[in-house]
mmCIF file of all heavy atoms, coordinates in Angstrom:
data_MODEL
# 
_entry.id   MODEL 
# 
loop_
_atom_site.group_PDB 
_atom_site.id 
_atom_site.type_symbol 
_atom_site.label_atom_id 
_atom_site.label_alt_id 
_atom_site.label_comp_id 
_atom_site.label_asym_id 
_atom_site.label_entity_id 
_atom_site.label_seq_id 
_atom_site.pdbx_PDB_ins_code 
_atom_site.Cartn_x 
_atom_site.Cartn_y 
_atom_site.Cartn_z 
_atom_site.occupancy 
_atom_site.B_iso_or_equiv 
_atom_site.pdbx_formal_charge 
_atom_site.auth_seq_id 
_atom_site.auth_comp_id 
_atom_site.auth_asym_id 
_atom_site.auth_atom_id 
_atom_site.pdbx_PDB_model_num 
ATOM 1   N N   . ARG A 1 1  ? -47.384 4.576  -13.863 1.00 0.00 ? 1  ARG A N   1 
ATOM 2   C CA  . ARG A 1 1  ? -48.298 4.164  -14.943 1.00 0.00 ? 1  ARG A CA  1 
ATOM 3   C C   . ARG A 1 1  ? -47.605 3.737  -16.223 1.00 0.00 ? 1  ARG A C   1 
ATOM 4   O O   . ARG A 1 1  ? -48.279 3.219  -17.138 1.00 0.00 ? 1  ARG A O   1 
ATOM 5   C CB  . ARG A 1 1  ? -49.301 5.286  -15.234 1.00 0.00 ? 1  ARG A CB  1 
ATOM 6   C CG  . ARG A 1 1  ? -50.394 5.349  -14.181 1.00 0.00 ? 1  ARG A CG  1 
ATOM 7   C CD  . ARG A 1 1  ? -51.040 6.699  -14.104 1.00 0.00 ? 1  ARG A CD  1 
ATOM 8   N NE  . ARG A 1 1  ? -52.142 6.672  -13.158 1.00 0.00 ? 1  ARG A NE  1 
ATOM 9   C CZ  . ARG A 1 1  ? -51.976 6.771  -11.850 1.00 0.00 ? 1  ARG A CZ  1 
ATOM 10  N NH1 . ARG A 1 1  ? -50.756 6.851  -11.328 1.00 0.00 ? 1  ARG A NH1 1 
ATOM 11  N NH2 . ARG A 1 1  ? -53.014 6.743  -11.020 1.00 0.00 ? 1  ARG A NH2 1 
ATOM 12  N N   . TYR A 1 2  ? -46.313 3.917  -16.353 1.00 0.00 ? 2  TYR A N   1 
ATOM 13  C CA  . TYR A 1 2  ? -45.597 3.570  -17.582 1.00 0.00 ? 2  TYR A CA  1 
ATOM 14  C C   . TYR A 1 2  ? -44.384 2.714  -17.280 1.00 0.00 ? 2  TYR A C   1 
ATOM 15  O O   . TYR A 1 2  ? -43.854 2.694  -16.151 1.00 0.00 ? 2  TYR A O   1 
ATOM 16  C CB  . TYR A 1 2  ? -45.182 4.837  -18.345 1.00 0.00 ? 2  TYR A CB  1 
ATOM 17  C CG  . TYR A 1 2  ? -46.366 5.592  -18.890 1.00 0.00 ? 2  TYR A CG  1 
ATOM 18  C CD1 . TYR A 1 2  ? -46.947 6.626  -18.173 1.00 0.00 ? 2  TYR A CD1 1 
ATOM 19  C CD2 . TYR A 1 2  ? -46.942 5.262  -20.126 1.00 0.00 ? 2  TYR A CD2 1 
ATOM 20  C CE1 . TYR A 1 2  ? -48.043 7.337  -18.668 1.00 0.00 ? 2  TYR A CE1 1 
ATOM 21  C CE2 . TYR A 1 2  ? -48.039 5.929  -20.646 1.00 0.00 ? 2  TYR A CE2 1 
ATOM 22  C CZ  . TYR A 1 2  ? -48.582 6.981  -19.910 1.00 0.00 ? 2  TYR A CZ  1 
ATOM 23  O OH  . TYR A 1 2  ? -49.670 7.643  -20.399 1.00 0.00 ? 2  TYR A OH  1 
ATOM 24  N N   . ASP A 1 3  ? -43.946 2.024  -18.336 1.00 0.00 ? 3  ASP A N   1 
ATOM 25  C CA  . ASP A 1 3  ? -42.725 1.177  -18.228 1.00 0.00 ? 3  ASP A CA  1 
ATOM 26  C C   . ASP A 1 3  ? -41.491 1.934  -18.732 1.00 0.00 ? 3  ASP A C   1 
ATOM 27  O O   . ASP A 1 3  ? -40.363 1.609  -18.409 1.00 0.00 ? 3  ASP A O   1 
ATOM 28  C CB  . ASP A 1 3  ? -42.923 -0.119 -19.026 1.00 0.00 ? 3  ASP A CB  1 
ATOM 29  C CG  . ASP A 1 3  ? -44.113 -0.889 -18.499 1.00 0.00 ? 3  ASP A CG  1 
ATOM 30  O OD1 . ASP A 1 3  ? -44.024 -1.452 -17.389 1.00 0.00 ? 3  ASP A OD1 1 
ATOM 31  O OD2 . ASP A 1 3  ? -45.131 -0.947 -19.218 1.00 0.00 ? 3  ASP A OD2 1 
ATOM 32  N N   . ALA A 1 4  ? -41.732 2.923  -19.600 1.00 0.00 ? 4  ALA A N   1 
ATOM 33  C CA  . ALA A 1 4  ? -40.633 3.778  -20.099 1.00 0.00 ? 4  ALA A CA  1 
ATOM 34  C C   . ALA A 1 4  ? -41.204 5.155  -20.412 1.00 0.00 ? 4  ALA A C   1 
ATOM 35  O O   . ALA A 1 4  ? -42.327 5.283  -20.917 1.00 0.00 ? 4  ALA A O   1 
ATOM 36  C CB  . ALA A 1 4  ? -39.996 3.168  -21.343 1.00 0.00 ? 4  ALA A CB  1 
ATOM 37  N N   . VAL A 1 5  ? -40.413 6.178  -20.089 1.00 0.00 ? 5  VAL A N   1 
ATOM 38  C CA  . VAL A 1 5  ? -40.794 7.564  -20.389 1.00 0.00 ? 5  VAL A CA  1 
ATOM 39  C C   . VAL A 1 5  ? -39.622 8.229  -21.096 1.00 0.00 ? 5  VAL A C   1 
ATOM 40  O O   . VAL A 1 5  ? -38.481 8.134  -20.646 1.00 0.00 ? 5  VAL A O   1 
ATOM 41  C CB  . VAL A 1 5  ? -41.119 8.367  -19.111 1.00 0.00 ? 5  VAL A CB  1 
ATOM 42  C CG1 . VAL A 1 5  ? -41.497 9.794  -19.431 1.00 0.00 ? 5  VAL A CG1 1 
ATOM 43  C CG2 . VAL A 1 5  ? -42.249 7.680  -18.344 1.00 0.00 ? 5  VAL A CG2 1 
ATOM 44  N N   . VAL A 1 6  ? -39.885 8.869  -22.228 1.00 0.00 ? 6  VAL A N   1 
ATOM 45  C CA  . VAL A 1 6  ? -38.881 9.615  -22.970 1.00 0.00 ? 6  VAL A CA  1 
ATOM 46  C C   . VAL A 1 6  ? -39.252 11.077 -22.958 1.00 0.00 ? 6  VAL A C   1 
ATOM 47  O O   . VAL A 1 6  ? -40.372 11.469 -23.351 1.00 0.00 ? 6  VAL A O   1 
ATOM 48  C CB  . VAL A 1 6  ? -38.771 9.113  -24.433 1.00 0.00 ? 6  VAL A CB  1 
ATOM 49  C CG1 . VAL A 1 6  ? -37.696 9.927  -25.190 1.00 0.00 ? 6  VAL A CG1 1 
ATOM 50  C CG2 . VAL A 1 6  ? -38.457 7.634  -24.480 1.00 0.00 ? 6  VAL A CG2 1 
ATOM 51  N N   . ILE A 1 7  ? -38.341 11.938 -22.470 1.00 0.00 ? 7  ILE A N   1 
ATOM 52  C CA  . ILE A 1 7  ? -38.612 13.391 -22.340 1.00 0.00 ? 7  ILE A CA  1 
ATOM 53  C C   . ILE A 1 7  ? -37.707 14.146 -23.277 1.00 0.00 ? 7  ILE A C   1 
ATOM 54  O O   . ILE A 1 7  ? -36.496 14.054 -23.227 1.00 0.00 ? 7  ILE A O   1 
ATOM 55  C CB  . ILE A 1 7  ? -38.387 13.847 -20.888 1.00 0.00 ? 7  ILE A CB  1 
ATOM 56  C CG1 . ILE A 1 7  ? -39.241 13.030 -19.896 1.00 0.00 ? 7  ILE A CG1 1 
ATOM 57  C CG2 . ILE A 1 7  ? -38.702 15.320 -20.743 1.00 0.00 ? 7  ILE A CG2 1 
ATOM 58  C CD1 . ILE A 1 7  ? -38.964 13.349 -18.452 1.00 0.00 ? 7  ILE A CD1 1 
ATOM 59  N N   . ASP A 1 8  ? -38.319 14.946 -24.158 1.00 0.00 ? 8  ASP A N   1 
ATOM 60  C CA  . ASP A 1 8  ? -37.591 15.765 -25.089 1.00 0.00 ? 8  ASP A CA  1 
ATOM 61  C C   . ASP A 1 8  ? -37.465 17.180 -24.501 1.00 0.00 ? 8  ASP A C   1 
ATOM 62  O O   . ASP A 1 8  ? -38.467 17.775 -24.095 1.00 0.00 ? 8  ASP A O   1 
ATOM 63  C CB  . ASP A 1 8  ? -38.338 15.791 -26.436 1.00 0.00 ? 8  ASP A CB  1 
ATOM 64  C CG  . ASP A 1 8  ? -37.672 16.725 -27.453 1.00 0.00 ? 8  ASP A CG  1 
ATOM 65  O OD1 . ASP A 1 8  ? -36.431 16.858 -27.409 1.00 0.00 ? 8  ASP A OD1 1 
ATOM 66  O OD2 . ASP A 1 8  ? -38.381 17.329 -28.265 1.00 0.00 ? 8  ASP A OD2 1 
ATOM 67  N N   . THR A 1 9  ? -36.259 17.705 -24.452 1.00 0.00 ? 9  THR A N   1 
ATOM 68  C CA  . THR A 1 9  ? -36.052 19.058 -23.907 1.00 0.00 ? 9  THR A CA  1 
ATOM 69  C C   . THR A 1 9  ? -35.350 19.940 -24.907 1.00 0.00 ? 9  THR A C   1 
ATOM 70  O O   . THR A 1 9  ? -34.879 19.463 -25.943 1.00 0.00 ? 9  THR A O   1 
ATOM 71  C CB  . THR A 1 9  ? -35.178 18.998 -22.617 1.00 0.00 ? 9  THR A CB  1 
ATOM 72  O OG1 . THR A 1 9  ? -33.836 18.649 -22.969 1.00 0.00 ? 9  THR A OG1 1 
ATOM 73  C CG2 . THR A 1 9  ? -35.713 17.975 -21.641 1.00 0.00 ? 9  THR A CG2 1 
ATOM 74  N N   . ALA A 1 10 ? -35.326 21.233 -24.606 1.00 0.00 ? 10 ALA A N   1 
ATOM 75  C CA  . ALA A 1 10 ? -34.742 22.193 -25.531 1.00 0.00 ? 10 ALA A CA  1 
ATOM 76  C C   . ALA A 1 10 ? -33.264 22.482 -25.270 1.00 0.00 ? 10 ALA A C   1 
ATOM 77  O O   . ALA A 1 10 ? -32.622 23.242 -25.990 1.00 0.00 ? 10 ALA A O   1 
ATOM 78  C CB  . ALA A 1 10 ? -35.518 23.498 -25.515 1.00 0.00 ? 10 ALA A CB  1 
ATOM 79  N N   . GLY A 1 11 ? -32.724 21.946 -24.201 1.00 0.00 ? 11 GLY A N   1 
ATOM 80  C CA  . GLY A 1 11 ? -31.346 22.240 -23.822 1.00 0.00 ? 11 GLY A CA  1 
ATOM 81  C C   . GLY A 1 11 ? -31.209 22.252 -22.303 1.00 0.00 ? 11 GLY A C   1 
ATOM 82  O O   . GLY A 1 11 ? -32.125 21.852 -21.594 1.00 0.00 ? 11 GLY A O   1 
ATOM 83  N N   . VAL A 1 12 ? -30.096 22.756 -21.816 1.00 0.00 ? 12 VAL A N   1 
ATOM 84  C CA  . VAL A 1 12 ? -29.844 22.754 -20.373 1.00 0.00 ? 12 VAL A CA  1 
ATOM 85  C C   . VAL A 1 12 ? -30.509 23.954 -19.732 1.00 0.00 ? 12 VAL A C   1 
ATOM 86  O O   . VAL A 1 12 ? -29.868 24.893 -19.269 1.00 0.00 ? 12 VAL A O   1 
ATOM 87  C CB  . VAL A 1 12 ? -28.331 22.718 -20.070 1.00 0.00 ? 12 VAL A CB  1 
ATOM 88  C CG1 . VAL A 1 12 ? -28.082 22.446 -18.601 1.00 0.00 ? 12 VAL A CG1 1 
ATOM 89  C CG2 . VAL A 1 12 ? -27.635 21.622 -20.876 1.00 0.00 ? 12 VAL A CG2 1 
ATOM 90  N N   . HIS A 1 13 ? -31.855 23.937 -19.758 1.00 0.00 ? 13 HIS A N   1 
ATOM 91  C CA  . HIS A 1 13 ? -32.651 25.001 -19.119 1.00 0.00 ? 13 HIS A CA  1 
ATOM 92  C C   . HIS A 1 13 ? -33.046 24.532 -17.732 1.00 0.00 ? 13 HIS A C   1 
ATOM 93  O O   . HIS A 1 13 ? -32.939 23.333 -17.408 1.00 0.00 ? 13 HIS A O   1 
ATOM 94  C CB  . HIS A 1 13 ? -33.864 25.323 -19.959 1.00 0.00 ? 13 HIS A CB  1 
ATOM 95  C CG  . HIS A 1 13 ? -33.538 25.809 -21.337 1.00 0.00 ? 13 HIS A CG  1 
ATOM 96  N ND1 . HIS A 1 13 ? -32.849 26.975 -21.539 1.00 0.00 ? 13 HIS A ND1 1 
ATOM 97  C CD2 . HIS A 1 13 ? -33.770 25.309 -22.575 1.00 0.00 ? 13 HIS A CD2 1 
ATOM 98  C CE1 . HIS A 1 13 ? -32.700 27.205 -22.857 1.00 0.00 ? 13 HIS A CE1 1 
ATOM 99  N NE2 . HIS A 1 13 ? -33.239 26.170 -23.486 1.00 0.00 ? 13 HIS A NE2 1 
ATOM 100 N N   . PRO A 1 14 ? -33.514 25.430 -16.874 1.00 0.00 ? 14 PRO A N   1 
ATOM 101 C CA  . PRO A 1 14 ? -33.848 25.036 -15.485 1.00 0.00 ? 14 PRO A CA  1 
ATOM 102 C C   . PRO A 1 14 ? -34.781 23.813 -15.386 1.00 0.00 ? 14 PRO A C   1 
ATOM 103 O O   . PRO A 1 14 ? -34.521 22.908 -14.596 1.00 0.00 ? 14 PRO A O   1 
ATOM 104 C CB  . PRO A 1 14 ? -34.482 26.295 -14.896 1.00 0.00 ? 14 PRO A CB  1 
ATOM 105 C CG  . PRO A 1 14 ? -33.834 27.417 -15.665 1.00 0.00 ? 14 PRO A CG  1 
ATOM 106 C CD  . PRO A 1 14 ? -33.643 26.893 -17.028 1.00 0.00 ? 14 PRO A CD  1 
ATOM 107 N N   . HIS A 1 15 ? -35.870 23.789 -16.161 1.00 0.00 ? 15 HIS A N   1 
ATOM 108 C CA  . HIS A 1 15 ? -36.774 22.649 -16.067 1.00 0.00 ? 15 HIS A CA  1 
ATOM 109 C C   . HIS A 1 15 ? -36.146 21.391 -16.591 1.00 0.00 ? 15 HIS A C   1 
ATOM 110 O O   . HIS A 1 15 ? -36.395 20.285 -16.101 1.00 0.00 ? 15 HIS A O   1 
ATOM 111 C CB  . HIS A 1 15 ? -38.105 22.942 -16.752 1.00 0.00 ? 15 HIS A CB  1 
ATOM 112 C CG  . HIS A 1 15 ? -37.993 23.030 -18.252 1.00 0.00 ? 15 HIS A CG  1 
ATOM 113 N ND1 . HIS A 1 15 ? -37.640 24.198 -18.900 1.00 0.00 ? 15 HIS A ND1 1 
ATOM 114 C CD2 . HIS A 1 15 ? -38.208 22.113 -19.203 1.00 0.00 ? 15 HIS A CD2 1 
ATOM 115 C CE1 . HIS A 1 15 ? -37.627 23.971 -20.188 1.00 0.00 ? 15 HIS A CE1 1 
ATOM 116 N NE2 . HIS A 1 15 ? -37.941 22.739 -20.411 1.00 0.00 ? 15 HIS A NE2 1 
ATOM 117 N N   . ALA A 1 16 ? -35.275 21.520 -17.628 1.00 0.00 ? 16 ALA A N   1 
ATOM 118 C CA  . ALA A 1 16 ? -34.583 20.337 -18.156 1.00 0.00 ? 16 ALA A CA  1 
ATOM 119 C C   . ALA A 1 16 ? -33.638 19.771 -17.129 1.00 0.00 ? 16 ALA A C   1 
ATOM 120 O O   . ALA A 1 16 ? -33.454 18.563 -17.018 1.00 0.00 ? 16 ALA A O   1 
ATOM 121 C CB  . ALA A 1 16 ? -33.853 20.722 -19.445 1.00 0.00 ? 16 ALA A CB  1 
ATOM 122 N N   . VAL A 1 17 ? -33.005 20.639 -16.355 1.00 0.00 ? 17 VAL A N   1 
ATOM 123 C CA  . VAL A 1 17 ? -32.113 20.186 -15.298 1.00 0.00 ? 17 VAL A CA  1 
ATOM 124 C C   . VAL A 1 17 ? -32.873 19.425 -14.247 1.00 0.00 ? 17 VAL A C   1 
ATOM 125 O O   . VAL A 1 17 ? -32.407 18.363 -13.762 1.00 0.00 ? 17 VAL A O   1 
ATOM 126 C CB  . VAL A 1 17 ? -31.389 21.412 -14.665 1.00 0.00 ? 17 VAL A CB  1 
ATOM 127 C CG1 . VAL A 1 17 ? -30.666 20.971 -13.384 1.00 0.00 ? 17 VAL A CG1 1 
ATOM 128 C CG2 . VAL A 1 17 ? -30.410 22.042 -15.638 1.00 0.00 ? 17 VAL A CG2 1 
ATOM 129 N N   . GLU A 1 18 ? -34.074 19.890 -13.893 1.00 0.00 ? 18 GLU A N   1 
ATOM 130 C CA  . GLU A 1 18 ? -34.882 19.147 -12.907 1.00 0.00 ? 18 GLU A CA  1 
ATOM 131 C C   . GLU A 1 18 ? -35.248 17.772 -13.434 1.00 0.00 ? 18 GLU A C   1 
ATOM 132 O O   . GLU A 1 18 ? -35.181 16.787 -12.712 1.00 0.00 ? 18 GLU A O   1 
ATOM 133 C CB  . GLU A 1 18 ? -36.152 19.922 -12.574 1.00 0.00 ? 18 GLU A CB  1 
ATOM 134 C CG  . GLU A 1 18 ? -35.912 21.300 -11.942 1.00 0.00 ? 18 GLU A CG  1 
ATOM 135 C CD  . GLU A 1 18 ? -35.238 21.201 -10.600 1.00 0.00 ? 18 GLU A CD  1 
ATOM 136 O OE1 . GLU A 1 18 ? -35.218 20.127 -9.963  1.00 0.00 ? 18 GLU A OE1 1 
ATOM 137 O OE2 . GLU A 1 18 ? -34.664 22.217 -10.155 1.00 0.00 ? 18 GLU A OE2 1 
ATOM 138 N N   . PHE A 1 19 ? -35.627 17.671 -14.708 1.00 0.00 ? 19 PHE A N   1 
ATOM 139 C CA  . PHE A 1 19 ? -35.929 16.391 -15.302 1.00 0.00 ? 19 PHE A CA  1 
ATOM 140 C C   . PHE A 1 19 ? -34.692 15.506 -15.374 1.00 0.00 ? 19 PHE A C   1 
ATOM 141 O O   . PHE A 1 19 ? -34.766 14.294 -15.114 1.00 0.00 ? 19 PHE A O   1 
ATOM 142 C CB  . PHE A 1 19 ? -36.507 16.577 -16.694 1.00 0.00 ? 19 PHE A CB  1 
ATOM 143 C CG  . PHE A 1 19 ? -37.927 17.069 -16.718 1.00 0.00 ? 19 PHE A CG  1 
ATOM 144 C CD1 . PHE A 1 19 ? -38.419 17.834 -17.749 1.00 0.00 ? 19 PHE A CD1 1 
ATOM 145 C CD2 . PHE A 1 19 ? -38.807 16.792 -15.670 1.00 0.00 ? 19 PHE A CD2 1 
ATOM 146 C CE1 . PHE A 1 19 ? -39.731 18.303 -17.766 1.00 0.00 ? 19 PHE A CE1 1 
ATOM 147 C CE2 . PHE A 1 19 ? -40.119 17.234 -15.676 1.00 0.00 ? 19 PHE A CE2 1 
ATOM 148 C CZ  . PHE A 1 19 ? -40.574 17.997 -16.718 1.00 0.00 ? 19 PHE A CZ  1 
ATOM 149 N N   . ALA A 1 20 ? -33.564 16.101 -15.740 1.00 0.00 ? 20 ALA A N   1 
ATOM 150 C CA  . ALA A 1 20 ? -32.329 15.326 -15.875 1.00 0.00 ? 20 ALA A CA  1 
ATOM 151 C C   . ALA A 1 20 ? -31.909 14.732 -14.536 1.00 0.00 ? 20 ALA A C   1 
ATOM 152 O O   . ALA A 1 20 ? -31.401 13.608 -14.482 1.00 0.00 ? 20 ALA A O   1 
ATOM 153 C CB  . ALA A 1 20 ? -31.222 16.198 -16.467 1.00 0.00 ? 20 ALA A CB  1 
ATOM 154 N N   . ARG A 1 21 ? -32.065 15.471 -13.467 1.00 0.00 ? 21 ARG A N   1 
ATOM 155 C CA  . ARG A 1 21 ? -31.688 14.991 -12.149 1.00 0.00 ? 21 ARG A CA  1 
ATOM 156 C C   . ARG A 1 21 ? -32.495 13.757 -11.764 1.00 0.00 ? 21 ARG A C   1 
ATOM 157 O O   . ARG A 1 21 ? -31.966 12.836 -11.069 1.00 0.00 ? 21 ARG A O   1 
ATOM 158 C CB  . ARG A 1 21 ? -31.939 16.061 -11.111 1.00 0.00 ? 21 ARG A CB  1 
ATOM 159 C CG  . ARG A 1 21 ? -30.871 17.188 -11.088 1.00 0.00 ? 21 ARG A CG  1 
ATOM 160 C CD  . ARG A 1 21 ? -31.323 18.299 -10.153 1.00 0.00 ? 21 ARG A CD  1 
ATOM 161 N NE  . ARG A 1 21 ? -30.272 19.296 -9.979  1.00 0.00 ? 21 ARG A NE  1 
ATOM 162 C CZ  . ARG A 1 21 ? -30.483 20.492 -9.423  1.00 0.00 ? 21 ARG A CZ  1 
ATOM 163 N NH1 . ARG A 1 21 ? -31.702 20.802 -8.980  1.00 0.00 ? 21 ARG A NH1 1 
ATOM 164 N NH2 . ARG A 1 21 ? -29.502 21.351 -9.304  1.00 0.00 ? 21 ARG A NH2 1 
ATOM 165 N N   . LEU A 1 22 ? -33.732 13.679 -12.202 1.00 0.00 ? 22 LEU A N   1 
ATOM 166 C CA  . LEU A 1 22 ? -34.617 12.573 -11.793 1.00 0.00 ? 22 LEU A CA  1 
ATOM 167 C C   . LEU A 1 22 ? -34.556 11.412 -12.777 1.00 0.00 ? 22 LEU A C   1 
ATOM 168 O O   . LEU A 1 22 ? -34.999 10.313 -12.449 1.00 0.00 ? 22 LEU A O   1 
ATOM 169 C CB  . LEU A 1 22 ? -36.058 13.097 -11.680 1.00 0.00 ? 22 LEU A CB  1 
ATOM 170 C CG  . LEU A 1 22 ? -36.316 14.140 -10.620 1.00 0.00 ? 22 LEU A CG  1 
ATOM 171 C CD1 . LEU A 1 22 ? -37.733 14.664 -10.724 1.00 0.00 ? 22 LEU A CD1 1 
ATOM 172 C CD2 . LEU A 1 22 ? -36.065 13.591 -9.211  1.00 0.00 ? 22 LEU A CD2 1 
ATOM 173 N N   . ALA A 1 23 ? -34.053 11.645 -13.947 1.00 0.00 ? 23 ALA A N   1 
ATOM 174 C CA  . ALA A 1 23 ? -34.076 10.602 -15.015 1.00 0.00 ? 23 ALA A CA  1 
ATOM 175 C C   . ALA A 1 23 ? -33.057 9.501  -14.705 1.00 0.00 ? 23 ALA A C   1 
ATOM 176 O O   . ALA A 1 23 ? -32.057 9.710  -14.033 1.00 0.00 ? 23 ALA A O   1 
ATOM 177 C CB  . ALA A 1 23 ? -33.768 11.230 -16.368 1.00 0.00 ? 23 ALA A CB  1 
ATOM 178 N N   . ASP A 1 24 ? -33.353 8.328  -15.240 1.00 0.00 ? 24 ASP A N   1 
ATOM 179 C CA  . ASP A 1 24 ? -32.412 7.210  -15.111 1.00 0.00 ? 24 ASP A CA  1 
ATOM 180 C C   . ASP A 1 24 ? -31.235 7.344  -16.086 1.00 0.00 ? 24 ASP A C   1 
ATOM 181 O O   . ASP A 1 24 ? -30.135 6.917  -15.782 1.00 0.00 ? 24 ASP A O   1 
ATOM 182 C CB  . ASP A 1 24 ? -33.140 5.883  -15.395 1.00 0.00 ? 24 ASP A CB  1 
ATOM 183 C CG  . ASP A 1 24 ? -34.263 5.665  -14.416 1.00 0.00 ? 24 ASP A CG  1 
ATOM 184 O OD1 . ASP A 1 24 ? -34.000 5.428  -13.226 1.00 0.00 ? 24 ASP A OD1 1 
ATOM 185 O OD2 . ASP A 1 24 ? -35.427 5.741  -14.843 1.00 0.00 ? 24 ASP A OD2 1 
ATOM 186 N N   . ARG A 1 25 ? -31.490 7.917  -17.223 1.00 0.00 ? 25 ARG A N   1 
ATOM 187 C CA  . ARG A 1 25 ? -30.437 8.109  -18.238 1.00 0.00 ? 25 ARG A CA  1 
ATOM 188 C C   . ARG A 1 25 ? -30.677 9.430  -18.978 1.00 0.00 ? 25 ARG A C   1 
ATOM 189 O O   . ARG A 1 25 ? -31.807 9.740  -19.315 1.00 0.00 ? 25 ARG A O   1 
ATOM 190 C CB  . ARG A 1 25 ? -30.433 6.951  -19.250 1.00 0.00 ? 25 ARG A CB  1 
ATOM 191 C CG  . ARG A 1 25 ? -29.304 6.983  -20.246 1.00 0.00 ? 25 ARG A CG  1 
ATOM 192 C CD  . ARG A 1 25 ? -27.977 6.668  -19.596 1.00 0.00 ? 25 ARG A CD  1 
ATOM 193 N NE  . ARG A 1 25 ? -27.938 5.318  -19.087 1.00 0.00 ? 25 ARG A NE  1 
ATOM 194 C CZ  . ARG A 1 25 ? -27.483 4.252  -19.798 1.00 0.00 ? 25 ARG A CZ  1 
ATOM 195 N NH1 . ARG A 1 25 ? -27.058 4.430  -20.996 1.00 0.00 ? 25 ARG A NH1 1 
ATOM 196 N NH2 . ARG A 1 25 ? -27.454 3.068  -19.209 1.00 0.00 ? 25 ARG A NH2 1 
ATOM 197 N N   . VAL A 1 26 ? -29.597 10.194 -19.189 1.00 0.00 ? 26 VAL A N   1 
ATOM 198 C CA  . VAL A 1 26 ? -29.665 11.428 -19.944 1.00 0.00 ? 26 VAL A CA  1 
ATOM 199 C C   . VAL A 1 26 ? -28.916 11.211 -21.245 1.00 0.00 ? 26 VAL A C   1 
ATOM 200 O O   . VAL A 1 26 ? -27.742 10.823 -21.250 1.00 0.00 ? 26 VAL A O   1 
ATOM 201 C CB  . VAL A 1 26 ? -29.033 12.610 -19.162 1.00 0.00 ? 26 VAL A CB  1 
ATOM 202 C CG1 . VAL A 1 26 ? -29.045 13.855 -20.016 1.00 0.00 ? 26 VAL A CG1 1 
ATOM 203 C CG2 . VAL A 1 26 ? -29.808 12.856 -17.851 1.00 0.00 ? 26 VAL A CG2 1 
ATOM 204 N N   . LEU A 1 27 ? -29.619 11.412 -22.365 1.00 0.00 ? 27 LEU A N   1 
ATOM 205 C CA  . LEU A 1 27 ? -29.008 11.250 -23.680 1.00 0.00 ? 27 LEU A CA  1 
ATOM 206 C C   . LEU A 1 27 ? -28.701 12.656 -24.249 1.00 0.00 ? 27 LEU A C   1 
ATOM 207 O O   . LEU A 1 27 ? -29.622 13.421 -24.527 1.00 0.00 ? 27 LEU A O   1 
ATOM 208 C CB  . LEU A 1 27 ? -29.962 10.512 -24.619 1.00 0.00 ? 27 LEU A CB  1 
ATOM 209 C CG  . LEU A 1 27 ? -30.425 9.121  -24.170 1.00 0.00 ? 27 LEU A CG  1 
ATOM 210 C CD1 . LEU A 1 27 ? -31.421 8.545  -25.151 1.00 0.00 ? 27 LEU A CD1 1 
ATOM 211 C CD2 . LEU A 1 27 ? -29.232 8.181  -24.032 1.00 0.00 ? 27 LEU A CD2 1 
# 
């Protein structure tokens, strides 16, 4: 449904790791 998604996380926590694995780019 979107052309770009930006996800803000709190650090290298378990759920952030799951998001990072699926993301195209990790900043």
